[in-house]
Full PDB file with SEQRES, HELIX, SHEET, SSBOND, CRYST1, ORIGX, SCALE, CONECT and MASTER records, all heavy atoms in Angstrom:
SEQRES   1 A   43  GLY ILE ASP ASN LEU ASN ASP TYR TYR ASP PRO ALA LEU          
SEQRES   2 A   43  LYS GLN ALA ARG LEU SER GLN LEU GLU GLY HIS ASP ARG          
SEQRES   3 A   43  PHE ALA PHE VAL LYS LEU ASP VAL SER ASP ARG ASP ARG          
SEQRES   4 A   43  VAL ALA THR LEU                                              
HELIX    1 AA1 PRO A   11  LEU A   21  1                                  11    
HELIX    2 AA2 ARG A   37  THR A   42  1                                   6    
SHEET    1 AA1 2 ILE A   2  ASP A   3  0                                        
SHEET    2 AA1 2 VAL A  30  LYS A  31  1                                        
CRYST1    1.000    1.000    1.000  90.00  90.00  90.00 P 1           1          
ORIGX1      1.000000  0.000000  0.000000        0.00000                         
ORIGX2      0.000000  1.000000  0.000000        0.00000                         
ORIGX3      0.000000  0.000000  1.000000        0.00000                         
SCALE1      1.000000  0.000000  0.000000        0.00000                         
SCALE2      0.000000  1.000000  0.000000        0.00000                         
SCALE3      0.000000  0.000000  1.000000        0.00000                         
ATOM      1  N   GLY A   1      -5.025  -1.162  -0.816  1.00  0.00           N  
ATOM      2  CA  GLY A   1      -6.040  -1.526   0.202  1.00  0.00           C  
ATOM      3  C   GLY A   1      -6.248  -0.387   1.226  1.00  0.00           C  
ATOM      4  O   GLY A   1      -5.337   0.134   1.702  1.00  0.00           O  
ATOM      5  N   ILE A   2      -7.478  -0.167   1.591  1.00  0.00           N  
ATOM      6  CA  ILE A   2      -7.781   0.721   2.639  1.00  0.00           C  
ATOM      7  C   ILE A   2      -8.779   0.121   3.526  1.00  0.00           C  
ATOM      8  O   ILE A   2      -9.685  -0.720   3.272  1.00  0.00           O  
ATOM      9  CB  ILE A   2      -8.388   2.087   2.145  1.00  0.00           C  
ATOM     10  CG1 ILE A   2      -9.787   1.939   1.490  1.00  0.00           C  
ATOM     11  CG2 ILE A   2      -7.435   2.745   1.065  1.00  0.00           C  
ATOM     12  CD1 ILE A   2     -10.511   3.227   1.108  1.00  0.00           C  
ATOM     13  N   ASP A   3      -8.640   0.613   4.797  1.00  0.00           N  
ATOM     14  CA  ASP A   3      -9.554   0.140   5.881  1.00  0.00           C  
ATOM     15  C   ASP A   3      -9.363   1.102   7.010  1.00  0.00           C  
ATOM     16  O   ASP A   3      -8.379   1.547   7.300  1.00  0.00           O  
ATOM     17  CB  ASP A   3      -9.076  -1.425   6.287  1.00  0.00           C  
ATOM     18  CG  ASP A   3     -10.280  -2.074   6.999  1.00  0.00           C  
ATOM     19  OD1 ASP A   3     -10.620  -1.696   8.172  1.00  0.00           O  
ATOM     20  OD2 ASP A   3     -10.810  -3.120   6.437  1.00  0.00           O  
ATOM     21  N   ASN A   4     -10.465   1.212   7.885  1.00  0.00           N  
ATOM     22  CA  ASN A   4     -10.187   2.005   9.074  1.00  0.00           C  
ATOM     23  C   ASN A   4      -9.821   1.362  10.338  1.00  0.00           C  
ATOM     24  O   ASN A   4      -9.533   1.866  11.381  1.00  0.00           O  
ATOM     25  CB  ASN A   4     -11.411   2.844   9.298  1.00  0.00           C  
ATOM     26  CG  ASN A   4     -12.698   2.103   9.720  1.00  0.00           C  
ATOM     27  OD1 ASN A   4     -12.647   0.901   9.789  1.00  0.00           O  
ATOM     28  ND2 ASN A   4     -13.747   2.801   9.864  1.00  0.00           N  
ATOM     29  N   LEU A   5      -9.786   0.007  10.070  1.00  0.00           N  
ATOM     30  CA  LEU A   5      -9.485  -0.845  11.307  1.00  0.00           C  
ATOM     31  C   LEU A   5     -10.133  -0.502  12.588  1.00  0.00           C  
ATOM     32  O   LEU A   5      -9.545  -0.488  13.752  1.00  0.00           O  
ATOM     33  CB  LEU A   5      -7.883  -0.714  11.497  1.00  0.00           C  
ATOM     34  CG  LEU A   5      -7.033  -1.068  10.398  1.00  0.00           C  
ATOM     35  CD1 LEU A   5      -5.690  -0.870  10.683  1.00  0.00           C  
ATOM     36  CD2 LEU A   5      -7.162  -2.603  10.070  1.00  0.00           C  
ATOM     37  N   ASN A   6     -11.426  -0.302  12.486  1.00  0.00           N  
ATOM     38  CA  ASN A   6     -12.250   0.018  13.662  1.00  0.00           C  
ATOM     39  C   ASN A   6     -12.383  -1.304  14.537  1.00  0.00           C  
ATOM     40  O   ASN A   6     -12.024  -2.273  14.322  1.00  0.00           O  
ATOM     41  CB  ASN A   6     -13.630   0.566  13.269  1.00  0.00           C  
ATOM     42  CG  ASN A   6     -14.629  -0.461  12.642  1.00  0.00           C  
ATOM     43  OD1 ASN A   6     -14.429  -1.611  12.826  1.00  0.00           O  
ATOM     44  ND2 ASN A   6     -15.464  -0.003  11.893  1.00  0.00           N  
ATOM     45  N   ASP A   7     -13.042  -0.998  15.744  1.00  0.00           N  
ATOM     46  CA  ASP A   7     -13.151  -2.014  16.756  1.00  0.00           C  
ATOM     47  C   ASP A   7     -14.469  -2.657  16.877  1.00  0.00           C  
ATOM     48  O   ASP A   7     -14.947  -3.135  17.954  1.00  0.00           O  
ATOM     49  CB  ASP A   7     -12.718  -1.410  18.090  1.00  0.00           C  
ATOM     50  CG  ASP A   7     -13.580  -0.311  18.638  1.00  0.00           C  
ATOM     51  OD1 ASP A   7     -14.501  -0.012  17.811  1.00  0.00           O  
ATOM     52  OD2 ASP A   7     -13.458   0.101  19.788  1.00  0.00           O  
ATOM     53  N   TYR A   8     -15.230  -2.635  15.689  1.00  0.00           N  
ATOM     54  CA  TYR A   8     -16.552  -3.403  15.722  1.00  0.00           C  
ATOM     55  C   TYR A   8     -16.307  -4.802  16.110  1.00  0.00           C  
ATOM     56  O   TYR A   8     -17.154  -5.416  16.769  1.00  0.00           O  
ATOM     57  CB  TYR A   8     -17.118  -3.303  14.223  1.00  0.00           C  
ATOM     58  CG  TYR A   8     -18.351  -4.160  13.978  1.00  0.00           C  
ATOM     59  CD1 TYR A   8     -19.514  -4.007  14.750  1.00  0.00           C  
ATOM     60  CD2 TYR A   8     -18.326  -5.183  13.168  1.00  0.00           C  
ATOM     61  CE1 TYR A   8     -20.642  -4.723  14.527  1.00  0.00           C  
ATOM     62  CE2 TYR A   8     -19.373  -6.013  12.933  1.00  0.00           C  
ATOM     63  CZ  TYR A   8     -20.561  -5.727  13.709  1.00  0.00           C  
ATOM     64  OH  TYR A   8     -21.691  -6.571  13.521  1.00  0.00           O  
ATOM     65  N   TYR A   9     -15.222  -5.419  15.677  1.00  0.00           N  
ATOM     66  CA  TYR A   9     -14.754  -6.678  16.236  1.00  0.00           C  
ATOM     67  C   TYR A   9     -13.247  -6.575  16.317  1.00  0.00           C  
ATOM     68  O   TYR A   9     -12.552  -5.665  15.919  1.00  0.00           O  
ATOM     69  CB  TYR A   9     -15.241  -7.878  15.357  1.00  0.00           C  
ATOM     70  CG  TYR A   9     -14.724  -7.916  14.015  1.00  0.00           C  
ATOM     71  CD1 TYR A   9     -13.473  -8.412  13.631  1.00  0.00           C  
ATOM     72  CD2 TYR A   9     -15.518  -7.645  12.842  1.00  0.00           C  
ATOM     73  CE1 TYR A   9     -13.014  -8.476  12.395  1.00  0.00           C  
ATOM     74  CE2 TYR A   9     -15.082  -7.640  11.615  1.00  0.00           C  
ATOM     75  CZ  TYR A   9     -13.932  -8.086  11.255  1.00  0.00           C  
ATOM     76  OH  TYR A   9     -13.479  -8.211  10.044  1.00  0.00           O  
ATOM     77  N   ASP A  10     -12.550  -7.603  16.903  1.00  0.00           N  
ATOM     78  CA  ASP A  10     -11.248  -7.628  17.286  1.00  0.00           C  
ATOM     79  C   ASP A  10     -10.246  -7.040  16.215  1.00  0.00           C  
ATOM     80  O   ASP A  10     -10.072  -7.609  15.189  1.00  0.00           O  
ATOM     81  CB  ASP A  10     -10.826  -9.143  17.583  1.00  0.00           C  
ATOM     82  CG  ASP A  10      -9.467  -9.257  18.078  1.00  0.00           C  
ATOM     83  OD1 ASP A  10      -8.813  -8.089  18.422  1.00  0.00           O  
ATOM     84  OD2 ASP A  10      -9.006 -10.324  18.136  1.00  0.00           O  
ATOM     85  N   PRO A  11      -9.658  -5.945  16.476  1.00  0.00           N  
ATOM     86  CA  PRO A  11      -8.734  -5.379  15.413  1.00  0.00           C  
ATOM     87  C   PRO A  11      -7.529  -6.211  15.198  1.00  0.00           C  
ATOM     88  O   PRO A  11      -6.773  -6.085  14.129  1.00  0.00           O  
ATOM     89  CB  PRO A  11      -8.290  -4.050  16.084  1.00  0.00           C  
ATOM     90  CG  PRO A  11      -9.508  -3.641  17.018  1.00  0.00           C  
ATOM     91  CD  PRO A  11      -9.923  -5.018  17.549  1.00  0.00           C  
ATOM     92  N   ALA A  12      -7.206  -7.085  16.178  1.00  0.00           N  
ATOM     93  CA  ALA A  12      -6.060  -7.991  16.005  1.00  0.00           C  
ATOM     94  C   ALA A  12      -6.287  -8.891  14.832  1.00  0.00           C  
ATOM     95  O   ALA A  12      -5.248  -9.239  14.140  1.00  0.00           O  
ATOM     96  CB  ALA A  12      -5.763  -8.768  17.293  1.00  0.00           C  
ATOM     97  N   LEU A  13      -7.533  -9.309  14.690  1.00  0.00           N  
ATOM     98  CA  LEU A  13      -7.808 -10.264  13.554  1.00  0.00           C  
ATOM     99  C   LEU A  13      -7.639  -9.404  12.287  1.00  0.00           C  
ATOM    100  O   LEU A  13      -7.109 -10.098  11.276  1.00  0.00           O  
ATOM    101  CB  LEU A  13      -9.314 -10.818  13.572  1.00  0.00           C  
ATOM    102  CG  LEU A  13      -9.698 -11.755  12.583  1.00  0.00           C  
ATOM    103  CD1 LEU A  13      -8.833 -12.926  12.473  1.00  0.00           C  
ATOM    104  CD2 LEU A  13     -11.213 -12.230  12.825  1.00  0.00           C  
ATOM    105  N   LYS A  14      -8.021  -8.192  12.132  1.00  0.00           N  
ATOM    106  CA  LYS A  14      -7.892  -7.504  10.904  1.00  0.00           C  
ATOM    107  C   LYS A  14      -6.346  -7.228  10.633  1.00  0.00           C  
ATOM    108  O   LYS A  14      -5.899  -7.296   9.489  1.00  0.00           O  
ATOM    109  CB  LYS A  14      -8.554  -6.054  11.096  1.00  0.00           C  
ATOM    110  CG  LYS A  14     -10.072  -6.192  11.374  1.00  0.00           C  
ATOM    111  CD  LYS A  14     -10.663  -4.857  11.596  1.00  0.00           C  
ATOM    112  CE  LYS A  14     -12.170  -4.971  11.819  1.00  0.00           C  
ATOM    113  NZ  LYS A  14     -12.916  -3.688  12.034  1.00  0.00           N  
ATOM    114  N   GLN A  15      -5.611  -6.922  11.639  1.00  0.00           N  
ATOM    115  CA  GLN A  15      -4.120  -6.716  11.557  1.00  0.00           C  
ATOM    116  C   GLN A  15      -3.451  -8.055  11.096  1.00  0.00           C  
ATOM    117  O   GLN A  15      -2.559  -8.108  10.209  1.00  0.00           O  
ATOM    118  CB  GLN A  15      -3.532  -6.279  12.835  1.00  0.00           C  
ATOM    119  CG  GLN A  15      -3.922  -4.983  13.295  1.00  0.00           C  
ATOM    120  CD  GLN A  15      -3.123  -3.868  12.497  1.00  0.00           C  
ATOM    121  OE1 GLN A  15      -2.453  -4.084  11.554  1.00  0.00           O  
ATOM    122  NE2 GLN A  15      -3.469  -2.562  12.835  1.00  0.00           N  
ATOM    123  N   ALA A  16      -3.977  -9.183  11.575  1.00  0.00           N  
ATOM    124  CA  ALA A  16      -3.526 -10.540  11.084  1.00  0.00           C  
ATOM    125  C   ALA A  16      -3.691 -10.761   9.645  1.00  0.00           C  
ATOM    126  O   ALA A  16      -2.869 -11.314   8.891  1.00  0.00           O  
ATOM    127  CB  ALA A  16      -4.065 -11.577  11.983  1.00  0.00           C  
ATOM    128  N   ARG A  17      -4.928 -10.394   9.191  1.00  0.00           N  
ATOM    129  CA  ARG A  17      -5.260 -10.505   7.760  1.00  0.00           C  
ATOM    130  C   ARG A  17      -4.379  -9.549   6.806  1.00  0.00           C  
ATOM    131  O   ARG A  17      -3.740 -10.118   5.976  1.00  0.00           O  
ATOM    132  CB  ARG A  17      -6.718 -10.105   7.455  1.00  0.00           C  
ATOM    133  CG  ARG A  17      -7.739 -10.975   8.110  1.00  0.00           C  
ATOM    134  CD  ARG A  17      -9.172 -10.536   7.609  1.00  0.00           C  
ATOM    135  NE  ARG A  17     -10.240 -11.166   8.371  1.00  0.00           N  
ATOM    136  CZ  ARG A  17     -11.224 -10.542   9.034  1.00  0.00           C  
ATOM    137  NH1 ARG A  17     -11.135  -9.279   9.095  1.00  0.00           N  
ATOM    138  NH2 ARG A  17     -12.247 -11.231   9.554  1.00  0.00           N  
ATOM    139  N   LEU A  18      -4.206  -8.399   7.446  1.00  0.00           N  
ATOM    140  CA  LEU A  18      -3.267  -7.455   6.688  1.00  0.00           C  
ATOM    141  C   LEU A  18      -1.848  -7.975   6.612  1.00  0.00           C  
ATOM    142  O   LEU A  18      -1.147  -7.825   5.560  1.00  0.00           O  
ATOM    143  CB  LEU A  18      -3.275  -6.014   7.376  1.00  0.00           C  
ATOM    144  CG  LEU A  18      -4.265  -5.159   7.081  1.00  0.00           C  
ATOM    145  CD1 LEU A  18      -4.128  -3.766   7.752  1.00  0.00           C  
ATOM    146  CD2 LEU A  18      -4.317  -4.840   5.513  1.00  0.00           C  
ATOM    147  N   SER A  19      -1.302  -8.692   7.596  1.00  0.00           N  
ATOM    148  CA  SER A  19      -0.023  -9.170   7.576  1.00  0.00           C  
ATOM    149  C   SER A  19       0.262 -10.202   6.510  1.00  0.00           C  
ATOM    150  O   SER A  19       1.355 -10.389   6.057  1.00  0.00           O  
ATOM    151  CB  SER A  19       0.402  -9.774   9.054  1.00  0.00           C  
ATOM    152  OG  SER A  19      -0.369 -10.840   9.229  1.00  0.00           O  
ATOM    153  N   GLN A  20      -0.894 -10.890   6.131  1.00  0.00           N  
ATOM    154  CA  GLN A  20      -0.898 -11.844   5.131  1.00  0.00           C  
ATOM    155  C   GLN A  20      -0.671 -11.177   3.756  1.00  0.00           C  
ATOM    156  O   GLN A  20      -0.124 -11.742   2.798  1.00  0.00           O  
ATOM    157  CB  GLN A  20      -1.998 -12.696   5.118  1.00  0.00           C  
ATOM    158  CG  GLN A  20      -2.411 -13.460   6.282  1.00  0.00           C  
ATOM    159  CD  GLN A  20      -1.567 -14.703   6.283  1.00  0.00           C  
ATOM    160  OE1 GLN A  20      -1.315 -15.373   5.661  1.00  0.00           O  
ATOM    161  NE2 GLN A  20      -0.839 -14.904   7.593  1.00  0.00           N  
ATOM    162  N   LEU A  21      -1.243  -9.996   3.659  1.00  0.00           N  
ATOM    163  CA  LEU A  21      -1.130  -9.259   2.363  1.00  0.00           C  
ATOM    164  C   LEU A  21       0.159  -8.315   2.268  1.00  0.00           C  
ATOM    165  O   LEU A  21       0.635  -8.248   1.048  1.00  0.00           O  
ATOM    166  CB  LEU A  21      -2.301  -8.255   2.316  1.00  0.00           C  
ATOM    167  CG  LEU A  21      -3.799  -8.985   2.295  1.00  0.00           C  
ATOM    168  CD1 LEU A  21      -4.848  -7.876   2.320  1.00  0.00           C  
ATOM    169  CD2 LEU A  21      -3.939  -9.865   1.087  1.00  0.00           C  
ATOM    170  N   GLU A  22       0.691  -7.936   3.368  1.00  0.00           N  
ATOM    171  CA  GLU A  22       1.808  -6.927   3.260  1.00  0.00           C  
ATOM    172  C   GLU A  22       3.149  -7.532   2.845  1.00  0.00           C  
ATOM    173  O   GLU A  22       3.985  -6.847   2.562  1.00  0.00           O  
ATOM    174  CB  GLU A  22       1.782  -6.198   4.656  1.00  0.00           C  
ATOM    175  CG  GLU A  22       0.761  -5.259   4.775  1.00  0.00           C  
ATOM    176  CD  GLU A  22       0.625  -4.635   6.210  1.00  0.00           C  
ATOM    177  OE1 GLU A  22       1.253  -5.146   7.138  1.00  0.00           O  
ATOM    178  OE2 GLU A  22       0.153  -3.547   6.237  1.00  0.00           O  
ATOM    179  N   GLY A  23       3.100  -8.819   2.733  1.00  0.00           N  
ATOM    180  CA  GLY A  23       4.306  -9.565   2.206  1.00  0.00           C  
ATOM    181  C   GLY A  23       4.324  -9.444   0.740  1.00  0.00           C  
ATOM    182  O   GLY A  23       5.446  -9.773   0.028  1.00  0.00           O  
ATOM    183  N   HIS A  24       3.322  -9.068  -0.032  1.00  0.00           N  
ATOM    184  CA  HIS A  24       3.300  -8.914  -1.365  1.00  0.00           C  
ATOM    185  C   HIS A  24       3.860  -7.415  -1.789  1.00  0.00           C  
ATOM    186  O   HIS A  24       3.427  -6.441  -1.235  1.00  0.00           O  
ATOM    187  CB  HIS A  24       1.927  -8.949  -1.955  1.00  0.00           C  
ATOM    188  CG  HIS A  24       1.330 -10.447  -1.961  1.00  0.00           C  
ATOM    189  ND1 HIS A  24       1.404 -11.312  -3.002  1.00  0.00           N  
ATOM    190  CD2 HIS A  24       0.666 -10.969  -1.038  1.00  0.00           C  
ATOM    191  CE1 HIS A  24       0.778 -12.392  -2.754  1.00  0.00           C  
ATOM    192  NE2 HIS A  24       0.267 -12.230  -1.477  1.00  0.00           N  
ATOM    193  N   ASP A  25       4.716  -7.406  -2.719  1.00  0.00           N  
ATOM    194  CA  ASP A  25       5.393  -6.110  -3.169  1.00  0.00           C  
ATOM    195  C   ASP A  25       4.420  -5.251  -3.982  1.00  0.00           C  
ATOM    196  O   ASP A  25       4.707  -4.109  -4.225  1.00  0.00           O  
ATOM    197  CB  ASP A  25       6.727  -6.314  -3.815  1.00  0.00           C  
ATOM    198  CG  ASP A  25       6.573  -7.123  -5.070  1.00  0.00           C  
ATOM    199  OD1 ASP A  25       5.395  -7.563  -5.513  1.00  0.00           O  
ATOM    200  OD2 ASP A  25       7.682  -7.631  -5.680  1.00  0.00           O  
ATOM    201  N   ARG A  26       3.399  -5.818  -4.450  1.00  0.00           N  
ATOM    202  CA  ARG A  26       2.348  -5.088  -5.257  1.00  0.00           C  
ATOM    203  C   ARG A  26       1.117  -4.655  -4.387  1.00  0.00           C  
ATOM    204  O   ARG A  26       0.115  -4.171  -4.865  1.00  0.00           O  
ATOM    205  CB  ARG A  26       1.782  -5.907  -6.341  1.00  0.00           C  
ATOM    206  CG  ARG A  26       2.815  -6.243  -7.379  1.00  0.00           C  
ATOM    207  CD  ARG A  26       2.375  -7.000  -8.658  1.00  0.00           C  
ATOM    208  NE  ARG A  26       1.451  -8.172  -8.200  1.00  0.00           N  
ATOM    209  CZ  ARG A  26       2.021  -9.365  -7.949  1.00  0.00           C  
ATOM    210  NH1 ARG A  26       3.325  -9.608  -7.858  1.00  0.00           N  
ATOM    211  NH2 ARG A  26       1.101 -10.338  -7.550  1.00  0.00           N  
ATOM    212  N   PHE A  27       1.196  -4.721  -3.107  1.00  0.00           N  
ATOM    213  CA  PHE A  27       0.178  -4.384  -2.089  1.00  0.00           C  
ATOM    214  C   PHE A  27       0.657  -3.143  -1.281  1.00  0.00           C  
ATOM    215  O   PHE A  27       1.753  -3.053  -0.918  1.00  0.00           O  
ATOM    216  CB  PHE A  27      -0.155  -5.497  -1.111  1.00  0.00           C  
ATOM    217  CG  PHE A  27      -1.276  -5.111  -0.148  1.00  0.00           C  
ATOM    218  CD1 PHE A  27      -2.554  -5.075  -0.568  1.00  0.00           C  
ATOM    219  CD2 PHE A  27      -0.961  -4.819   1.108  1.00  0.00           C  
ATOM    220  CE1 PHE A  27      -3.577  -4.681   0.319  1.00  0.00           C  
ATOM    221  CE2 PHE A  27      -1.891  -4.476   2.120  1.00  0.00           C  
ATOM    222  CZ  PHE A  27      -3.255  -4.347   1.507  1.00  0.00           C  
ATOM    223  N   ALA A  28      -0.247  -2.189  -1.302  1.00  0.00           N  
ATOM    224  CA  ALA A  28      -0.040  -0.908  -0.423  1.00  0.00           C  
ATOM    225  C   ALA A  28      -1.278  -0.632   0.398  1.00  0.00           C  
ATOM    226  O   ALA A  28      -2.356  -0.797  -0.157  1.00  0.00           O  
ATOM    227  CB  ALA A  28       0.208   0.285  -1.453  1.00  0.00           C  
ATOM    228  N   PHE A  29      -0.926  -0.361   1.658  1.00  0.00           N  
ATOM    229  CA  PHE A  29      -2.246  -0.296   2.587  1.00  0.00           C  
ATOM    230  C   PHE A  29      -2.183   1.192   3.000  1.00  0.00           C  
ATOM    231  O   PHE A  29      -1.168   1.688   3.394  1.00  0.00           O  
ATOM    232  CB  PHE A  29      -2.115  -1.127   3.673  1.00  0.00           C  
ATOM    233  CG  PHE A  29      -3.153  -0.950   4.838  1.00  0.00           C  
ATOM    234  CD1 PHE A  29      -4.435  -1.354   4.456  1.00  0.00           C  
ATOM    235  CD2 PHE A  29      -2.810  -0.316   5.992  1.00  0.00           C  
ATOM    236  CE1 PHE A  29      -5.541  -1.103   5.278  1.00  0.00           C  
ATOM    237  CE2 PHE A  29      -3.912  -0.124   6.810  1.00  0.00           C  
ATOM    238  CZ  PHE A  29      -5.220  -0.474   6.515  1.00  0.00           C  
ATOM    239  N   VAL A  30      -3.350   1.741   3.191  1.00  0.00           N  
ATOM    240  CA  VAL A  30      -3.684   3.178   3.575  1.00  0.00           C  
ATOM    241  C   VAL A  30      -4.694   2.919   4.643  1.00  0.00           C  
ATOM    242  O   VAL A  30      -5.894   2.558   4.325  1.00  0.00           O  
ATOM    243  CB  VAL A  30      -4.002   4.006   2.506  1.00  0.00           C  
ATOM    244  CG1 VAL A  30      -4.252   5.534   3.074  1.00  0.00           C  
ATOM    245  CG2 VAL A  30      -2.992   4.167   1.470  1.00  0.00           C  
ATOM    246  N   LYS A  31      -4.426   3.302   5.952  1.00  0.00           N  
ATOM    247  CA  LYS A  31      -5.421   3.367   6.911  1.00  0.00           C  
ATOM    248  C   LYS A  31      -6.280   4.607   6.620  1.00  0.00           C  
ATOM    249  O   LYS A  31      -5.832   5.740   6.779  1.00  0.00           O  
ATOM    250  CB  LYS A  31      -4.869   3.495   8.319  1.00  0.00           C  
ATOM    251  CG  LYS A  31      -5.958   3.400   9.410  1.00  0.00           C  
ATOM    252  CD  LYS A  31      -5.345   3.448  10.848  1.00  0.00           C  
ATOM    253  CE  LYS A  31      -6.450   3.342  11.887  1.00  0.00           C  
ATOM    254  NZ  LYS A  31      -5.827   3.373  13.295  1.00  0.00           N  
ATOM    255  N   LEU A  32      -7.653   4.322   6.330  1.00  0.00           N  
ATOM    256  CA  LEU A  32      -8.480   5.417   5.893  1.00  0.00           C  
ATOM    257  C   LEU A  32      -9.947   4.997   6.129  1.00  0.00           C  
ATOM    258  O   LEU A  32     -10.373   3.741   5.847  1.00  0.00           O  
ATOM    259  CB  LEU A  32      -8.263   5.668   4.358  1.00  0.00           C  
ATOM    260  CG  LEU A  32      -9.119   6.747   3.712  1.00  0.00           C  
ATOM    261  CD1 LEU A  32      -9.079   8.051   4.300  1.00  0.00           C  
ATOM    262  CD2 LEU A  32      -8.738   6.748   2.118  1.00  0.00           C  
ATOM    263  N   ASP A  33     -10.756   5.958   6.633  1.00  0.00           N  
ATOM    264  CA  ASP A  33     -12.119   5.771   6.730  1.00  0.00           C  
ATOM    265  C   ASP A  33     -12.890   6.262   5.467  1.00  0.00           C  
ATOM    266  O   ASP A  33     -12.582   7.521   5.141  1.00  0.00           O  
ATOM    267  CB  ASP A  33     -12.697   6.501   7.934  1.00  0.00           C  
ATOM    268  CG  ASP A  33     -14.073   6.130   8.325  1.00  0.00           C  
ATOM    269  OD1 ASP A  33     -14.973   6.002   7.476  1.00  0.00           O  
ATOM    270  OD2 ASP A  33     -14.235   5.768   9.661  1.00  0.00           O  
ATOM    271  N   VAL A  34     -13.761   5.518   4.849  1.00  0.00           N  
ATOM    272  CA  VAL A  34     -14.410   5.984   3.552  1.00  0.00           C  
ATOM    273  C   VAL A  34     -15.258   7.092   3.894  1.00  0.00           C  
ATOM    274  O   VAL A  34     -15.608   7.910   2.766  1.00  0.00           O  
ATOM    275  CB  VAL A  34     -15.118   4.761   2.958  1.00  0.00           C  
ATOM    276  CG1 VAL A  34     -14.153   3.752   2.402  1.00  0.00           C  
ATOM    277  CG2 VAL A  34     -16.073   4.191   3.778  1.00  0.00           C  
ATOM    278  N   SER A  35     -15.708   7.341   5.042  1.00  0.00           N  
ATOM    279  CA  SER A  35     -16.473   8.633   5.278  1.00  0.00           C  
ATOM    280  C   SER A  35     -15.731   9.947   5.284  1.00  0.00           C  
ATOM    281  O   SER A  35     -16.404  10.871   5.392  1.00  0.00           O  
ATOM    282  CB  SER A  35     -17.223   8.418   6.658  1.00  0.00           C  
ATOM    283  OG  SER A  35     -16.364   8.372   7.712  1.00  0.00           O  
ATOM    284  N   ASP A  36     -14.469   9.767   5.222  1.00  0.00           N  
ATOM    285  CA  ASP A  36     -13.551  11.091   5.202  1.00  0.00           C  
ATOM    286  C   ASP A  36     -13.440  11.535   3.753  1.00  0.00           C  
ATOM    287  O   ASP A  36     -12.654  11.030   3.116  1.00  0.00           O  
ATOM    288  CB  ASP A  36     -12.154  10.582   5.835  1.00  0.00           C  
ATOM    289  CG  ASP A  36     -11.356  11.891   6.025  1.00  0.00           C  
ATOM    290  OD1 ASP A  36     -11.476  12.946   5.384  1.00  0.00           O  
ATOM    291  OD2 ASP A  36     -10.495  11.834   6.988  1.00  0.00           O  
ATOM    292  N   ARG A  37     -14.304  12.454   3.528  1.00  0.00           N  
ATOM    293  CA  ARG A  37     -14.452  12.933   2.139  1.00  0.00           C  
ATOM    294  C   ARG A  37     -13.147  13.417   1.524  1.00  0.00           C  
ATOM    295  O   ARG A  37     -12.867  12.989   0.340  1.00  0.00           O  
ATOM    296  CB  ARG A  37     -15.460  14.052   2.177  1.00  0.00           C  
ATOM    297  CG  ARG A  37     -15.666  14.618   0.806  1.00  0.00           C  
ATOM    298  CD  ARG A  37     -16.738  15.750   0.905  1.00  0.00           C  
ATOM    299  NE  ARG A  37     -16.983  16.613  -0.184  1.00  0.00           N  
ATOM    300  CZ  ARG A  37     -17.842  17.637  -0.472  1.00  0.00           C  
ATOM    301  NH1 ARG A  37     -18.608  17.872   0.539  1.00  0.00           N  
ATOM    302  NH2 ARG A  37     -17.888  18.272  -1.598  1.00  0.00           N  
ATOM    303  N   ASP A  38     -12.404  14.295   2.163  1.00  0.00           N  
ATOM    304  CA  ASP A  38     -11.209  14.814   1.591  1.00  0.00           C  
ATOM    305  C   ASP A  38     -10.122  13.852   1.453  1.00  0.00           C  
ATOM    306  O   ASP A  38      -9.381  13.826   0.456  1.00  0.00           O  
ATOM    307  CB  ASP A  38     -10.795  16.024   2.602  1.00  0.00           C  
ATOM    308  CG  ASP A  38     -11.552  17.190   2.651  1.00  0.00           C  
ATOM    309  OD1 ASP A  38     -12.455  17.271   1.672  1.00  0.00           O  
ATOM    310  OD2 ASP A  38     -11.576  18.008   3.544  1.00  0.00           O  
ATOM    311  N   ARG A  39      -9.923  12.929   2.368  1.00  0.00           N  
ATOM    312  CA  ARG A  39      -8.858  11.925   2.217  1.00  0.00           C  
ATOM    313  C   ARG A  39      -9.179  10.938   1.150  1.00  0.00           C  
ATOM    314  O   ARG A  39      -8.229  10.383   0.468  1.00  0.00           O  
ATOM    315  CB  ARG A  39      -8.601  11.230   3.596  1.00  0.00           C  
ATOM    316  CG  ARG A  39      -7.909  12.140   4.597  1.00  0.00           C  
ATOM    317  CD  ARG A  39      -7.376  11.295   5.722  1.00  0.00           C  
ATOM    318  NE  ARG A  39      -6.272  10.405   5.285  1.00  0.00           N  
ATOM    319  CZ  ARG A  39      -5.958   9.339   5.904  1.00  0.00           C  
ATOM    320  NH1 ARG A  39      -6.632   8.858   6.990  1.00  0.00           N  
ATOM    321  NH2 ARG A  39      -4.894   8.593   5.378  1.00  0.00           N  
ATOM    322  N   VAL A  40     -10.408  10.484   1.042  1.00  0.00           N  
ATOM    323  CA  VAL A  40     -10.869   9.592  -0.038  1.00  0.00           C  
ATOM    324  C   VAL A  40     -10.514  10.301  -1.350  1.00  0.00           C  
ATOM    325  O   VAL A  40     -10.010   9.588  -2.319  1.00  0.00           O  
ATOM    326  CB  VAL A  40     -12.338   9.385   0.027  1.00  0.00           C  
ATOM    327  CG1 VAL A  40     -12.709   8.521  -1.206  1.00  0.00           C  
ATOM    328  CG2 VAL A  40     -12.599   8.306   1.254  1.00  0.00           C  
ATOM    329  N   ALA A  41     -10.863  11.636  -1.539  1.00  0.00           N  
ATOM    330  CA  ALA A  41     -10.690  12.241  -2.739  1.00  0.00           C  
ATOM    331  C   ALA A  41      -9.117  12.293  -3.198  1.00  0.00           C  
ATOM    332  O   ALA A  41      -8.809  12.202  -4.332  1.00  0.00           O  
ATOM    333  CB  ALA A  41     -11.205  13.732  -2.770  1.00  0.00           C  
ATOM    334  N   THR A  42      -8.376  12.617  -2.048  1.00  0.00           N  
ATOM    335  CA  THR A  42      -6.927  12.585  -2.240  1.00  0.00           C  
ATOM    336  C   THR A  42      -6.331  11.275  -2.672  1.00  0.00           C  
ATOM    337  O   THR A  42      -5.480  11.253  -3.572  1.00  0.00           O  
ATOM    338  CB  THR A  42      -6.275  13.125  -0.923  1.00  0.00           C  
ATOM    339  OG1 THR A  42      -6.591  14.375  -0.574  1.00  0.00           O  
ATOM    340  CG2 THR A  42      -4.730  13.100  -1.084  1.00  0.00           C  
ATOM    341  N   LEU A  43      -6.856  10.361  -2.030  1.00  0.00           N  
ATOM    342  CA  LEU A  43      -6.454   8.903  -2.369  1.00  0.00           C  
ATOM    343  C   LEU A  43      -6.637   8.554  -3.848  1.00  0.00           C  
ATOM    344  O   LEU A  43      -5.819   8.082  -4.581  1.00  0.00           O  
ATOM    345  CB  LEU A  43      -7.111   7.873  -1.451  1.00  0.00           C  
ATOM    346  CG  LEU A  43      -6.713   6.462  -1.876  1.00  0.00           C  
ATOM    347  CD1 LEU A  43      -5.642   5.969  -0.929  1.00  0.00           C  
ATOM    348  CD2 LEU A  43      -7.963   5.537  -1.666  1.00  0.00           C  
TER     349      LEU A  43                                                      
MASTER        0    0    0    2    2    0    0    6  348    1    0    4          
END                                                                             
């Protein structure tokens, strides 16, 4: 999963959603903005 966790709305709600996913051992999160060309390519 990737997300830039921006503040368009409350980032705490985004973090709360993520906390529900991070309990899964098959889930990996990368904080990343899809507009970042080089980092998206690397991912």
